[in-house]
Structures are given as structure tokens and as C-alpha cells.
Amino acid sequence: MKQFDHVGLRTETPQPGERFVAKTRVWVTDPALHPFRVEWLRYTPESCVPDVLRDRPHIAYRVDAIQAEAQGLRELIAPFASVAGHVVGFYETPDGAVVELMEYEE
């Protein structure tokens, strides 16, 4: 099952309440606090995030199992524990869309 969670957009401007993700060296905001579920991402120069993810917006979905939902997608960043405590992975669809799959523990 896929359930919409947020849209991720790049910014160069520091945002209120942003948190640092050490794994990817990116400052992020909490999309749950934005009225339109926008997550702002501000990349540090040493970020390991691939250009395809930096240069395009992404759409994020909550899923029951990342591995099952990621079948047929090109992995951009392997699943890892996020700053919010759930597991996330980033992928590219065959038609070029960038998606974040989020697996929450209930």
C-alpha cells in the first residue's frame, strides 16, 4: 500500500526548524508542519546525495515494505534510518520520477 506523505523541494535558503541529516549531509524541514506537506531540502557542499535527487523534486510515500515497493525502480540512496526515526530510501522510476519510500514502525 502506498500513501502520500510529502513533496521534497530544494532550497538554498535556511528554513525555520530545519534538522540536519548526518547520513546525507542535508538540512531538512518537517513536512508535517507545512500546510501543503512540503519538505525543504538544503544540501551541504559535501552531501553525498546524487545529482538526480538534488536537481529534481521528489514525492514521498508511506509504504508497508520498502523492498517490495522498490521492485523495478533504480535505487538512488539505499534505505536508512531518518532523523524522524523511520526508514527511508530514494528511487527513480522508469520514466524518471524521483520517489522516497518511507517505512514507519507502528
PDB file of N, CA and C in Angstrom:
ATOM      1  N   MET A   1       0.835  -1.180   0.000  1.00  0.00           N
ATOM      2  CA  MET A   1       0.000   0.000   0.000  1.00  0.00           C
ATOM      3  C   MET A   1       0.883   1.247   0.000  1.00  0.00           C
ATOM      4  N   LYS A   2       0.568   2.206  -0.850  1.00  0.00           N
ATOM      5  CA  LYS A   2       1.268   3.487  -0.875  1.00  0.00           C
ATOM      6  C   LYS A   2       0.313   4.573  -0.395  1.00  0.00           C
ATOM      7  N   GLN A   3       0.826   5.442   0.477  1.00  0.00           N
ATOM      8  CA  GLN A   3       0.046   6.575   0.960  1.00  0.00           C
ATOM      9  C   GLN A   3       0.912   7.830   0.833  1.00  0.00           C
ATOM     10  N   PHE A   4       0.397   8.875   0.172  1.00  0.00           N
ATOM     11  CA  PHE A   4       1.146  10.120   0.009  1.00  0.00           C
ATOM     12  C   PHE A   4       1.599  10.654   1.364  1.00  0.00           C
ATOM     13  N   ASP A   5       2.842  11.144   1.414  1.00  0.00           N
ATOM     14  CA  ASP A   5       3.354  11.761   2.635  1.00  0.00           C
ATOM     15  C   ASP A   5       3.775  13.210   2.405  1.00  0.00           C
ATOM     16  N   HIS A   6       4.616  13.470   1.394  1.00  0.00           N
ATOM     17  CA  HIS A   6       5.069  14.842   1.162  1.00  0.00           C
ATOM     18  C   HIS A   6       5.733  14.997  -0.199  1.00  0.00           C
ATOM     19  N   VAL A   7       6.026  16.254  -0.534  1.00  0.00           N
ATOM     20  CA  VAL A   7       6.821  16.603  -1.701  1.00  0.00           C
ATOM     21  C   VAL A   7       8.091  17.259  -1.194  1.00  0.00           C
ATOM     22  N   GLY A   8       9.233  16.862  -1.726  1.00  0.00           N
ATOM     23  CA  GLY A   8      10.513  17.432  -1.338  1.00  0.00           C
ATOM     24  C   GLY A   8      11.026  18.401  -2.380  1.00  0.00           C
ATOM     25  N   LEU A   9      11.397  19.600  -1.944  1.00  0.00           N
ATOM     26  CA  LEU A   9      11.879  20.648  -2.845  1.00  0.00           C
ATOM     27  C   LEU A   9      13.207  21.203  -2.346  1.00  0.00           C
ATOM     28  N   ARG A  10      14.098  21.476  -3.265  1.00  0.00           N
ATOM     29  CA  ARG A  10      15.410  22.029  -2.931  1.00  0.00           C
ATOM     30  C   ARG A  10      15.304  23.519  -2.624  1.00  0.00           C
ATOM     31  N   THR A  11      16.115  23.973  -1.671  1.00  0.00           N
ATOM     32  CA  THR A  11      16.227  25.396  -1.365  1.00  0.00           C
ATOM     33  C   THR A  11      17.683  25.710  -1.047  1.00  0.00           C
ATOM     34  N   GLU A  12      18.060  26.941  -1.240  1.00  0.00           N
ATOM     35  CA  GLU A  12      19.383  27.430  -0.840  1.00  0.00           C
ATOM     36  C   GLU A  12      19.271  28.273   0.427  1.00  0.00           C
ATOM     37  N   THR A  13      18.052  28.546   0.857  1.00  0.00           N
ATOM     38  CA  THR A  13      17.786  29.432   1.983  1.00  0.00           C
ATOM     39  C   THR A  13      17.528  28.627   3.255  1.00  0.00           C
ATOM     40  N   PRO A  14      18.245  28.910   4.344  1.00  0.00           N
ATOM     41  CA  PRO A  14      17.938  28.236   5.610  1.00  0.00           C
ATOM     42  C   PRO A  14      16.461  28.421   5.969  1.00  0.00           C
ATOM     43  N   GLN A  15      15.847  27.358   6.475  1.00  0.00           N
ATOM     44  CA  GLN A  15      14.427  27.360   6.804  1.00  0.00           C
ATOM     45  C   GLN A  15      14.229  27.210   8.311  1.00  0.00           C
ATOM     46  N   PRO A  16      13.180  27.810   8.848  1.00  0.00           N
ATOM     47  CA  PRO A  16      12.896  27.647  10.276  1.00  0.00           C
ATOM     48  C   PRO A  16      12.660  26.170  10.620  1.00  0.00           C
ATOM     49  N   GLY A  17      13.253  25.733  11.713  1.00  0.00           N
ATOM     50  CA  GLY A  17      13.017  24.379  12.206  1.00  0.00           C
ATOM     51  C   GLY A  17      13.701  23.272  11.439  1.00  0.00           C
ATOM     52  N   GLU A  18      14.617  23.602  10.522  1.00  0.00           N
ATOM     53  CA  GLU A  18      15.267  22.532   9.763  1.00  0.00           C
ATOM     54  C   GLU A  18      16.174  21.707  10.676  1.00  0.00           C
ATOM     55  N   ARG A  19      16.318  20.422  10.300  1.00  0.00           N
ATOM     56  CA  ARG A  19      17.162  19.476  11.051  1.00  0.00           C
ATOM     57  C   ARG A  19      18.238  18.942  10.117  1.00  0.00           C
ATOM     58  N   PHE A  20      19.369  18.569  10.699  1.00  0.00           N
ATOM     59  CA  PHE A  20      20.488  18.065   9.900  1.00  0.00           C
ATOM     60  C   PHE A  20      20.459  16.552   9.836  1.00  0.00           C
ATOM     61  N   VAL A  21      20.527  16.011   8.623  1.00  0.00           N
ATOM     62  CA  VAL A  21      20.599  14.558   8.414  1.00  0.00           C
ATOM     63  C   VAL A  21      22.069  14.231   8.149  1.00  0.00           C
ATOM     64  N   ALA A  22      22.730  13.655   9.144  1.00  0.00           N
ATOM     65  CA  ALA A  22      24.161  13.381   9.044  1.00  0.00           C
ATOM     66  C   ALA A  22      24.481  12.379   7.930  1.00  0.00           C
ATOM     67  N   LYS A  23      23.643  11.382   7.740  1.00  0.00           N
ATOM     68  CA  LYS A  23      23.881  10.340   6.724  1.00  0.00           C
ATOM     69  C   LYS A  23      24.061  10.942   5.334  1.00  0.00           C
ATOM     70  N   THR A  24      23.235  11.931   4.985  1.00  0.00           N
ATOM     71  CA  THR A  24      23.263  12.514   3.639  1.00  0.00           C
ATOM     72  C   THR A  24      23.819  13.939   3.613  1.00  0.00           C
ATOM     73  N   ARG A  25      24.106  14.513   4.794  1.00  0.00           N
ATOM     74  CA  ARG A  25      24.636  15.879   4.906  1.00  0.00           C
ATOM     75  C   ARG A  25      23.683  16.895   4.282  1.00  0.00           C
ATOM     76  N   VAL A  26      22.416  16.816   4.687  1.00  0.00           N
ATOM     77  CA  VAL A  26      21.360  17.675   4.162  1.00  0.00           C
ATOM     78  C   VAL A  26      20.555  18.243   5.329  1.00  0.00           C
ATOM     79  N   TRP A  27      20.207  19.526   5.237  1.00  0.00           N
ATOM     80  CA  TRP A  27      19.279  20.141   6.180  1.00  0.00           C
ATOM     81  C   TRP A  27      17.873  19.944   5.636  1.00  0.00           C
ATOM     82  N   VAL A  28      16.929  19.473   6.468  1.00  0.00           N
ATOM     83  CA  VAL A  28      15.555  19.214   6.024  1.00  0.00           C
ATOM     84  C   VAL A  28      14.558  19.808   7.016  1.00  0.00           C
ATOM     85  N   THR A  29      13.380  20.138   6.489  1.00  0.00           N
ATOM     86  CA  THR A  29      12.289  20.573   7.355  1.00  0.00           C
ATOM     87  C   THR A  29      11.314  19.420   7.529  1.00  0.00           C
ATOM     88  N   ASP A  30      10.425  19.551   8.489  1.00  0.00           N
ATOM     89  CA  ASP A  30       9.416  18.530   8.762  1.00  0.00           C
ATOM     90  C   ASP A  30       8.176  18.831   7.917  1.00  0.00           C
ATOM     91  N   PRO A  31       7.879  17.998   6.925  1.00  0.00           N
ATOM     92  CA  PRO A  31       6.727  18.274   6.067  1.00  0.00           C
ATOM     93  C   PRO A  31       5.390  18.235   6.806  1.00  0.00           C
ATOM     94  N   ALA A  32       5.338  17.569   7.932  1.00  0.00           N
ATOM     95  CA  ALA A  32       4.092  17.517   8.711  1.00  0.00           C
ATOM     96  C   ALA A  32       3.733  18.894   9.267  1.00  0.00           C
ATOM     97  N   LEU A  33       4.703  19.792   9.345  1.00  0.00           N
ATOM     98  CA  LEU A  33       4.462  21.138   9.862  1.00  0.00           C
ATOM     99  C   LEU A  33       4.109  22.142   8.766  1.00  0.00           C
ATOM    100  N   HIS A  34       4.179  21.722   7.511  1.00  0.00           N
ATOM    101  CA  HIS A  34       3.882  22.609   6.382  1.00  0.00           C
ATOM    102  C   HIS A  34       2.428  22.380   5.930  1.00  0.00           C
ATOM    103  N   PRO A  35       1.664  23.431   5.683  1.00  0.00           N
ATOM    104  CA  PRO A  35       0.249  23.255   5.333  1.00  0.00           C
ATOM    105  C   PRO A  35       0.005  22.495   4.029  1.00  0.00           C
ATOM    106  N   PHE A  36       1.022  22.402   3.158  1.00  0.00           N
ATOM    107  CA  PHE A  36       0.878  21.665   1.904  1.00  0.00           C
ATOM    108  C   PHE A  36       1.819  20.468   1.826  1.00  0.00           C
ATOM    109  N   ARG A  37       2.335  20.042   2.984  1.00  0.00           N
ATOM    110  CA  ARG A  37       3.205  18.860   3.091  1.00  0.00           C
ATOM    111  C   ARG A  37       4.470  18.989   2.238  1.00  0.00           C
ATOM    112  N   VAL A  38       5.100  20.184   2.288  1.00  0.00           N
ATOM    113  CA  VAL A  38       6.359  20.418   1.590  1.00  0.00           C
ATOM    114  C   VAL A  38       7.517  20.185   2.551  1.00  0.00           C
ATOM    115  N   GLU A  39       8.505  19.444   2.093  1.00  0.00           N
ATOM    116  CA  GLU A  39       9.765  19.260   2.812  1.00  0.00           C
ATOM    117  C   GLU A  39      10.817  20.062   2.056  1.00  0.00           C
ATOM    118  N   TRP A  40      11.439  21.027   2.725  1.00  0.00           N
ATOM    119  CA  TRP A  40      12.517  21.796   2.122  1.00  0.00           C
ATOM    120  C   TRP A  40      13.838  21.098   2.398  1.00  0.00           C
ATOM    121  N   LEU A  41      14.694  20.986   1.378  1.00  0.00           N
ATOM    122  CA  LEU A  41      15.996  20.334   1.495  1.00  0.00           C
ATOM    123  C   LEU A  41      17.086  21.321   1.102  1.00  0.00           C
ATOM    124  N   ARG A  42      18.072  21.457   1.989  1.00  0.00           N
ATOM    125  CA  ARG A  42      19.208  22.352   1.724  1.00  0.00           C
ATOM    126  C   ARG A  42      20.476  21.507   1.832  1.00  0.00           C
ATOM    127  N   TYR A  43      21.121  21.291   0.698  1.00  0.00           N
ATOM    128  CA  TYR A  43      22.272  20.399   0.602  1.00  0.00           C
ATOM    129  C   TYR A  43      23.563  21.122   0.975  1.00  0.00           C
ATOM    130  N   THR A  44      24.392  20.459   1.769  1.00  0.00           N
ATOM    131  CA  THR A  44      25.715  20.989   2.076  1.00  0.00           C
ATOM    132  C   THR A  44      26.645  20.650   0.905  1.00  0.00           C
ATOM    133  N   PRO A  45      27.746  21.376   0.748  1.00  0.00           N
ATOM    134  CA  PRO A  45      28.670  21.075  -0.358  1.00  0.00           C
ATOM    135  C   PRO A  45      29.209  19.642  -0.320  1.00  0.00           C
ATOM    136  N   GLU A  46      29.332  19.069   0.875  1.00  0.00           N
ATOM    137  CA  GLU A  46      29.874  17.705   0.988  1.00  0.00           C
ATOM    138  C   GLU A  46      28.796  16.622   1.000  1.00  0.00           C
ATOM    139  N   SER A  47      27.564  16.971   0.671  1.00  0.00           N
ATOM    140  CA  SER A  47      26.478  15.987   0.645  1.00  0.00           C
ATOM    141  C   SER A  47      26.766  14.890  -0.377  1.00  0.00           C
ATOM    142  N   CYS A  48      26.444  13.662   0.002  1.00  0.00           N
ATOM    143  CA  CYS A  48      26.649  12.505  -0.879  1.00  0.00           C
ATOM    144  C   CYS A  48      25.427  12.231  -1.759  1.00  0.00           C
ATOM    145  N   VAL A  49      24.411  13.058  -1.683  1.00  0.00           N
ATOM    146  CA  VAL A  49      23.181  12.851  -2.447  1.00  0.00           C
ATOM    147  C   VAL A  49      23.477  12.998  -3.941  1.00  0.00           C
ATOM    148  N   PRO A  50      23.054  12.006  -4.755  1.00  0.00           N
ATOM    149  CA  PRO A  50      23.309  12.082  -6.195  1.00  0.00           C
ATOM    150  C   PRO A  50      22.615  13.290  -6.837  1.00  0.00           C
ATOM    151  N   ASP A  51      23.206  13.802  -7.913  1.00  0.00           N
ATOM    152  CA  ASP A  51      22.664  14.974  -8.597  1.00  0.00           C
ATOM    153  C   ASP A  51      21.210  14.778  -9.023  1.00  0.00           C
ATOM    154  N   VAL A  52      20.849  13.584  -9.464  1.00  0.00           N
ATOM    155  CA  VAL A  52      19.477  13.351  -9.917  1.00  0.00           C
ATOM    156  C   VAL A  52      18.477  13.659  -8.802  1.00  0.00           C
ATOM    157  N   LEU A  53      18.840  13.374  -7.570  1.00  0.00           N
ATOM    158  CA  LEU A  53      17.961  13.663  -6.435  1.00  0.00           C
ATOM    159  C   LEU A  53      18.045  15.130  -6.026  1.00  0.00           C
ATOM    160  N   ARG A  54      19.220  15.710  -6.094  1.00  0.00           N
ATOM    161  CA  ARG A  54      19.387  17.132  -5.763  1.00  0.00           C
ATOM    162  C   ARG A  54      18.643  18.030  -6.743  1.00  0.00           C
ATOM    163  N   ASP A  55      18.687  17.664  -8.017  1.00  0.00           N
ATOM    164  CA  ASP A  55      18.193  18.540  -9.079  1.00  0.00           C
ATOM    165  C   ASP A  55      16.706  18.405  -9.379  1.00  0.00           C
ATOM    166  N   ARG A  56      16.059  17.383  -8.845  1.00  0.00           N
ATOM    167  CA  ARG A  56      14.631  17.177  -9.118  1.00  0.00           C
ATOM    168  C   ARG A  56      13.845  17.138  -7.811  1.00  0.00           C
ATOM    169  N   PRO A  57      12.605  17.584  -7.860  1.00  0.00           N
ATOM    170  CA  PRO A  57      11.761  17.388  -6.672  1.00  0.00           C
ATOM    171  C   PRO A  57      11.481  15.900  -6.505  1.00  0.00           C
ATOM    172  N   HIS A  58      11.108  15.511  -5.300  1.00  0.00           N
ATOM    173  CA  HIS A  58      10.700  14.111  -5.097  1.00  0.00           C
ATOM    174  C   HIS A  58       9.335  14.081  -4.434  1.00  0.00           C
ATOM    175  N   ILE A  59       8.658  12.971  -4.618  1.00  0.00           N
ATOM    176  CA  ILE A  59       7.387  12.732  -3.947  1.00  0.00           C
ATOM    177  C   ILE A  59       7.578  11.538  -3.030  1.00  0.00           C
ATOM    178  N   ALA A  60       7.080  11.655  -1.811  1.00  0.00           N
ATOM    179  CA  ALA A  60       7.306  10.618  -0.805  1.00  0.00           C
ATOM    180  C   ALA A  60       6.014   9.901  -0.472  1.00  0.00           C
ATOM    181  N   TYR A  61       6.148   8.578  -0.277  1.00  0.00           N
ATOM    182  CA  TYR A  61       5.018   7.728   0.077  1.00  0.00           C
ATOM    183  C   TYR A  61       5.363   6.883   1.290  1.00  0.00           C
ATOM    184  N   ARG A  62       4.395   6.748   2.191  1.00  0.00           N
ATOM    185  CA  ARG A  62       4.499   5.764   3.257  1.00  0.00           C
ATOM    186  C   ARG A  62       4.142   4.415   2.639  1.00  0.00           C
ATOM    187  N   VAL A  63       4.949   3.411   2.939  1.00  0.00           N
ATOM    188  CA  VAL A  63       4.708   2.082   2.395  1.00  0.00           C
ATOM    189  C   VAL A  63       4.839   1.052   3.514  1.00  0.00           C
ATOM    190  N   ASP A  64       4.249  -0.109   3.291  1.00  0.00           N
ATOM    191  CA  ASP A  64       4.352  -1.188   4.269  1.00  0.00           C
ATOM    192  C   ASP A  64       5.742  -1.829   4.251  1.00  0.00           C
ATOM    193  N   ALA A  65       6.317  -1.975   3.043  1.00  0.00           N
ATOM    194  CA  ALA A  65       7.624  -2.620   2.905  1.00  0.00           C
ATOM    195  C   ALA A  65       8.380  -1.972   1.748  1.00  0.00           C
ATOM    196  N   ILE A  66       9.468  -1.290   2.066  1.00  0.00           N
ATOM    197  CA  ILE A  66      10.240  -0.592   1.041  1.00  0.00           C
ATOM    198  C   ILE A  66      10.712  -1.551  -0.044  1.00  0.00           C
ATOM    199  N   GLN A  67      11.279  -2.674   0.354  1.00  0.00           N
ATOM    200  CA  GLN A  67      11.840  -3.598  -0.641  1.00  0.00           C
ATOM    201  C   GLN A  67      10.795  -4.058  -1.648  1.00  0.00           C
ATOM    202  N   ALA A  68       9.601  -4.330  -1.201  1.00  0.00           N
ATOM    203  CA  ALA A  68       8.532  -4.772  -2.105  1.00  0.00           C
ATOM    204  C   ALA A  68       8.119  -3.646  -3.054  1.00  0.00           C
ATOM    205  N   GLU A  69       7.968  -2.443  -2.536  1.00  0.00           N
ATOM    206  CA  GLU A  69       7.538  -1.311  -3.366  1.00  0.00           C
ATOM    207  C   GLU A  69       8.632  -0.845  -4.317  1.00  0.00           C
ATOM    208  N   ALA A  70       9.899  -1.123  -3.993  1.00  0.00           N
ATOM    209  CA  ALA A  70      11.022  -0.650  -4.801  1.00  0.00           C
ATOM    210  C   ALA A  70      11.325  -1.558  -5.993  1.00  0.00           C
ATOM    211  N   GLN A  71      10.611  -2.655  -6.130  1.00  0.00           N
ATOM    212  CA  GLN A  71      10.858  -3.555  -7.257  1.00  0.00           C
ATOM    213  C   GLN A  71      10.703  -2.808  -8.577  1.00  0.00           C
ATOM    214  N   GLY A  72      11.681  -2.923  -9.460  1.00  0.00           N
ATOM    215  CA  GLY A  72      11.637  -2.284 -10.763  1.00  0.00           C
ATOM    216  C   GLY A  72      12.102  -0.842 -10.771  1.00  0.00           C
ATOM    217  N   LEU A  73      12.495  -0.301  -9.598  1.00  0.00           N
ATOM    218  CA  LEU A  73      12.970   1.077  -9.503  1.00  0.00           C
ATOM    219  C   LEU A  73      14.493   1.089  -9.370  1.00  0.00           C
ATOM    220  N   ARG A  74      15.122   2.146  -9.838  1.00  0.00           N
ATOM    221  CA  ARG A  74      16.577   2.296  -9.698  1.00  0.00           C
ATOM    222  C   ARG A  74      16.868   2.943  -8.349  1.00  0.00           C
ATOM    223  N   GLU A  75      17.664   2.266  -7.536  1.00  0.00           N
ATOM    224  CA  GLU A  75      17.998   2.783  -6.211  1.00  0.00           C
ATOM    225  C   GLU A  75      18.969   3.955  -6.330  1.00  0.00           C
ATOM    226  N   LEU A  76      18.597   5.089  -5.700  1.00  0.00           N
ATOM    227  CA  LEU A  76      19.468   6.266  -5.650  1.00  0.00           C
ATOM    228  C   LEU A  76      20.195   6.340  -4.317  1.00  0.00           C
ATOM    229  N   ILE A  77      19.460   6.088  -3.225  1.00  0.00           N
ATOM    230  CA  ILE A  77      20.036   6.014  -1.882  1.00  0.00           C
ATOM    231  C   ILE A  77      19.373   4.834  -1.187  1.00  0.00           C
ATOM    232  N   ALA A  78      20.192   3.895  -0.733  1.00  0.00           N
ATOM    233  CA  ALA A  78      19.676   2.708  -0.046  1.00  0.00           C
ATOM    234  C   ALA A  78      18.936   3.104   1.227  1.00  0.00           C
ATOM    235  N   PRO A  79      17.972   2.304   1.639  1.00  0.00           N
ATOM    236  CA  PRO A  79      17.216   2.619   2.858  1.00  0.00           C
ATOM    237  C   PRO A  79      18.119   2.829   4.071  1.00  0.00           C
ATOM    238  N   PHE A  80      17.750   3.850   4.877  1.00  0.00           N
ATOM    239  CA  PHE A  80      18.477   4.164   6.108  1.00  0.00           C
ATOM    240  C   PHE A  80      17.503   4.772   7.108  1.00  0.00           C
ATOM    241  N   ALA A  81      17.895   4.800   8.376  1.00  0.00           N
ATOM    242  CA  ALA A  81      17.053   5.380   9.430  1.00  0.00           C
ATOM    243  C   ALA A  81      17.118   6.901   9.330  1.00  0.00           C
ATOM    244  N   SER A  82      15.966   7.555   9.237  1.00  0.00           N
ATOM    245  CA  SER A  82      15.895   9.012   9.106  1.00  0.00           C
ATOM    246  C   SER A  82      15.999   9.684  10.477  1.00  0.00           C
ATOM    247  N   VAL A  83      16.091  11.027  10.460  1.00  0.00           N
ATOM    248  CA  VAL A  83      16.151  11.781  11.721  1.00  0.00           C
ATOM    249  C   VAL A  83      14.841  11.674  12.487  1.00  0.00           C
ATOM    250  N   ALA A  84      13.763  11.323  11.806  1.00  0.00           N
ATOM    251  CA  ALA A  84      12.460  11.193  12.472  1.00  0.00           C
ATOM    252  C   ALA A  84      12.228   9.772  12.993  1.00  0.00           C
ATOM    253  N   GLY A  85      13.164   8.858  12.724  1.00  0.00           N
ATOM    254  CA  GLY A  85      13.071   7.523  13.289  1.00  0.00           C
ATOM    255  C   GLY A  85      12.513   6.452  12.373  1.00  0.00           C
ATOM    256  N   HIS A  86      11.987   6.815  11.216  1.00  0.00           N
ATOM    257  CA  HIS A  86      11.509   5.795  10.281  1.00  0.00           C
ATOM    258  C   HIS A  86      12.598   5.519   9.251  1.00  0.00           C
ATOM    259  N   VAL A  87      12.405   4.475   8.446  1.00  0.00           N
ATOM    260  CA  VAL A  87      13.384   4.099   7.427  1.00  0.00           C
ATOM    261  C   VAL A  87      12.940   4.691   6.094  1.00  0.00           C
ATOM    262  N   VAL A  88      13.891   5.267   5.350  1.00  0.00           N
ATOM    263  CA  VAL A  88      13.590   5.869   4.052  1.00  0.00           C
ATOM    264  C   VAL A  88      14.605   5.396   3.014  1.00  0.00           C
ATOM    265  N   GLY A  89      14.157   5.323   1.768  1.00  0.00           N
ATOM    266  CA  GLY A  89      15.027   5.026   0.633  1.00  0.00           C
ATOM    267  C   GLY A  89      14.584   5.881  -0.534  1.00  0.00           C
ATOM    268  N   PHE A  90      15.500   6.214  -1.427  1.00  0.00           N
ATOM    269  CA  PHE A  90      15.191   7.072  -2.570  1.00  0.00           C
ATOM    270  C   PHE A  90      15.423   6.298  -3.856  1.00  0.00           C
ATOM    271  N   TYR A  91      14.491   6.471  -4.815  1.00  0.00           N
ATOM    272  CA  TYR A  91      14.486   5.689  -6.044  1.00  0.00           C
ATOM    273  C   TYR A  91      14.084   6.546  -7.232  1.00  0.00           C
ATOM    274  N   GLU A  92      14.431   6.061  -8.426  1.00  0.00           N
ATOM    275  CA  GLU A  92      13.990   6.689  -9.670  1.00  0.00           C
ATOM    276  C   GLU A  92      13.102   5.702 -10.412  1.00  0.00           C
ATOM    277  N   THR A  93      11.944   6.168 -10.851  1.00  0.00           N
ATOM    278  CA  THR A  93      11.026   5.317 -11.607  1.00  0.00           C
ATOM    279  C   THR A  93      11.528   5.188 -13.047  1.00  0.00           C
ATOM    280  N   PRO A  94      11.050   4.192 -13.794  1.00  0.00           N
ATOM    281  CA  PRO A  94      11.493   4.032 -15.183  1.00  0.00           C
ATOM    282  C   PRO A  94      11.257   5.271 -16.054  1.00  0.00           C
ATOM    283  N   ASP A  95      10.260   6.096 -15.709  1.00  0.00           N
ATOM    284  CA  ASP A  95      10.006   7.300 -16.505  1.00  0.00           C
ATOM    285  C   ASP A  95      10.702   8.545 -15.947  1.00  0.00           C
ATOM    286  N   GLY A  96      11.568   8.378 -14.933  1.00  0.00           N
ATOM    287  CA  GLY A  96      12.399   9.477 -14.452  1.00  0.00           C
ATOM    288  C   GLY A  96      11.933  10.218 -13.212  1.00  0.00           C
ATOM    289  N   ALA A  97      10.800   9.844 -12.640  1.00  0.00           N
ATOM    290  CA  ALA A  97      10.348  10.489 -11.406  1.00  0.00           C
ATOM    291  C   ALA A  97      11.199  10.016 -10.229  1.00  0.00           C
ATOM    292  N   VAL A  98      11.451  10.911  -9.289  1.00  0.00           N
ATOM    293  CA  VAL A  98      12.194  10.557  -8.081  1.00  0.00           C
ATOM    294  C   VAL A  98      11.194  10.377  -6.946  1.00  0.00           C
ATOM    295  N   VAL A  99      11.273   9.224  -6.261  1.00  0.00           N
ATOM    296  CA  VAL A  99      10.358   8.930  -5.167  1.00  0.00           C
ATOM    297  C   VAL A  99      11.140   8.546  -3.913  1.00  0.00           C
ATOM    298  N   GLU A 100      10.562   8.909  -2.785  1.00  0.00           N
ATOM    299  CA  GLU A 100      11.079   8.496  -1.484  1.00  0.00           C
ATOM    300  C   GLU A 100      10.065   7.508  -0.920  1.00  0.00           C
ATOM    301  N   LEU A 101      10.535   6.349  -0.521  1.00  0.00           N
ATOM    302  CA  LEU A 101       9.673   5.361   0.114  1.00  0.00           C
ATOM    303  C   LEU A 101      10.000   5.355   1.595  1.00  0.00           C
ATOM    304  N   MET A 102       8.945   5.446   2.420  1.00  0.00           N
ATOM    305  CA  MET A 102       9.100   5.605   3.868  1.00  0.00           C
ATOM    306  C   MET A 102       8.389   4.455   4.581  1.00  0.00           C
ATOM    307  N   GLU A 103       9.126   3.755   5.408  1.00  0.00           N
ATOM    308  CA  GLU A 103       8.573   2.633   6.165  1.00  0.00           C
ATOM    309  C   GLU A 103       8.558   3.025   7.639  1.00  0.00           C
ATOM    310  N   TYR A 104       7.359   3.133   8.191  1.00  0.00           N
ATOM    311  CA  TYR A 104       7.185   3.513   9.585  1.00  0.00           C
ATOM    312  C   TYR A 104       6.959   2.277  10.430  1.00  0.00           C
ATOM    313  N   GLU A 105       7.513   2.270  11.633  1.00  0.00           N
ATOM    314  CA  GLU A 105       7.172   1.233  12.608  1.00  0.00           C
ATOM    315  C   GLU A 105       5.951   1.689  13.357  1.00  0.00           C
ATOM    316  N   GLU A 106       4.978   0.840  13.465  1.00  0.00           N
ATOM    317  CA  GLU A 106       3.725   1.209  14.138  1.00  0.00           C
ATOM    318  C   GLU A 106       3.867   1.089  15.636  1.00  0.00           C
TER     319      GLU A 106
END
